[in-house]
Amino acid sequence: MQEEWRQRYPLFPRLLFVLDGTGPAGVTTRINALHAAAKDPALTLFLHTVPVLAAALADLHTYGPSEPVWHPVRTVAWSS
């Protein structure tokens, strides 16, 4: 028997990368590396169905997770 809430939510609603341990230039480099990895054909189906976002931990602390601190690794169109 599956819980009722699991029937309404997708298995992976989104994948979030929180980046830390480097300055702003390092965060940019890591986000660029995620963009490069997103071009892997093996990830195509996954990346078309699951939004993948990245944010710097410092930005999350300063502005909060509901602010526009998230950078999409690849643009994804939500499907119901």
Protein backbone atom coordinates (compact mmCIF):
# COMPACT_ATOMS: atom_id res chain seq x y z
CA MET A 1 0.00 0.00 0.00
CA GLN A 2 1.42 3.38 -1.03
CA GLU A 3 0.87 6.55 1.00
CA GLU A 4 -1.68 8.90 -0.55
CA TRP A 5 0.77 11.82 -0.84
CA ARG A 6 3.19 9.68 -2.91
CA GLN A 7 0.48 9.19 -5.53
CA ARG A 8 0.26 12.96 -6.14
CA TYR A 9 3.96 13.87 -6.20
CA PRO A 10 6.59 12.82 -8.73
CA LEU A 11 9.46 10.65 -7.56
CA PHE A 12 12.03 13.39 -8.30
CA PRO A 13 10.28 16.79 -8.27
CA ARG A 14 13.63 18.55 -8.77
CA LEU A 15 17.32 18.04 -8.18
CA LEU A 16 19.10 20.84 -6.31
CA PHE A 17 22.84 21.39 -6.07
CA VAL A 18 23.98 23.62 -3.20
CA LEU A 19 27.51 24.83 -3.91
CA ASP A 20 29.94 25.77 -1.15
CA GLY A 21 33.63 25.87 -0.37
CA THR A 22 34.62 28.35 -3.06
CA GLY A 23 34.13 31.99 -3.93
CA PRO A 24 31.85 33.49 -6.58
CA ALA A 25 34.24 32.57 -9.41
CA GLY A 26 34.33 28.97 -8.20
CA VAL A 27 30.53 28.82 -8.05
CA THR A 28 30.38 30.08 -11.64
CA THR A 29 32.93 27.44 -12.67
CA ARG A 30 30.90 24.69 -10.98
CA ILE A 31 27.65 25.85 -12.59
CA ASN A 32 29.42 25.87 -15.98
CA ALA A 33 30.61 22.31 -15.31
CA LEU A 34 27.01 21.28 -14.56
CA HIS A 35 25.92 22.89 -17.86
CA ALA A 36 28.60 20.86 -19.67
CA ALA A 37 27.53 17.63 -17.93
CA ALA A 38 23.91 18.31 -18.89
CA LYS A 39 24.88 17.89 -22.55
CA ASP A 40 25.54 14.17 -21.97
CA PRO A 41 23.08 12.23 -24.17
CA ALA A 42 22.59 9.67 -21.40
CA LEU A 43 20.94 12.38 -19.28
CA THR A 44 18.60 13.74 -21.94
CA LEU A 45 15.39 12.05 -20.78
CA PHE A 46 16.11 12.77 -17.11
CA LEU A 47 16.86 16.44 -17.75
CA HIS A 48 13.70 16.85 -19.84
CA THR A 49 11.53 15.68 -16.96
CA VAL A 50 13.37 16.82 -13.82
CA PRO A 51 14.41 20.44 -13.22
CA VAL A 52 18.04 20.62 -12.09
CA LEU A 53 19.02 23.81 -10.28
CA ALA A 54 22.17 25.07 -8.55
CA ALA A 55 22.70 27.79 -5.95
CA ALA A 56 25.55 29.05 -3.80
CA LEU A 57 25.14 28.29 -0.12
CA ALA A 58 26.13 31.88 0.70
CA ASP A 59 23.25 33.18 -1.45
CA LEU A 60 20.82 30.82 0.26
CA HIS A 61 21.95 32.09 3.67
CA THR A 62 21.78 35.73 2.59
CA TYR A 63 18.59 35.80 0.54
CA GLY A 64 16.75 32.57 1.34
CA PRO A 65 15.71 29.62 -0.84
CA SER A 66 12.56 31.26 -2.19
CA GLU A 67 14.49 34.14 -3.78
CA PRO A 68 15.90 34.01 -7.33
CA VAL A 69 19.25 32.48 -6.30
CA TRP A 70 18.72 29.25 -8.24
CA HIS A 71 20.44 28.78 -11.61
CA PRO A 72 18.88 26.22 -13.97
CA VAL A 73 21.31 23.64 -15.28
CA ARG A 74 18.94 23.09 -18.19
CA THR A 75 15.56 24.64 -18.94
CA VAL A 76 12.80 22.11 -18.37
CA ALA A 77 9.15 22.36 -19.34
CA TRP A 78 6.93 20.89 -16.61
CA SER A 79 4.46 18.30 -17.77
CA SER A 80 1.47 17.17 -15.74
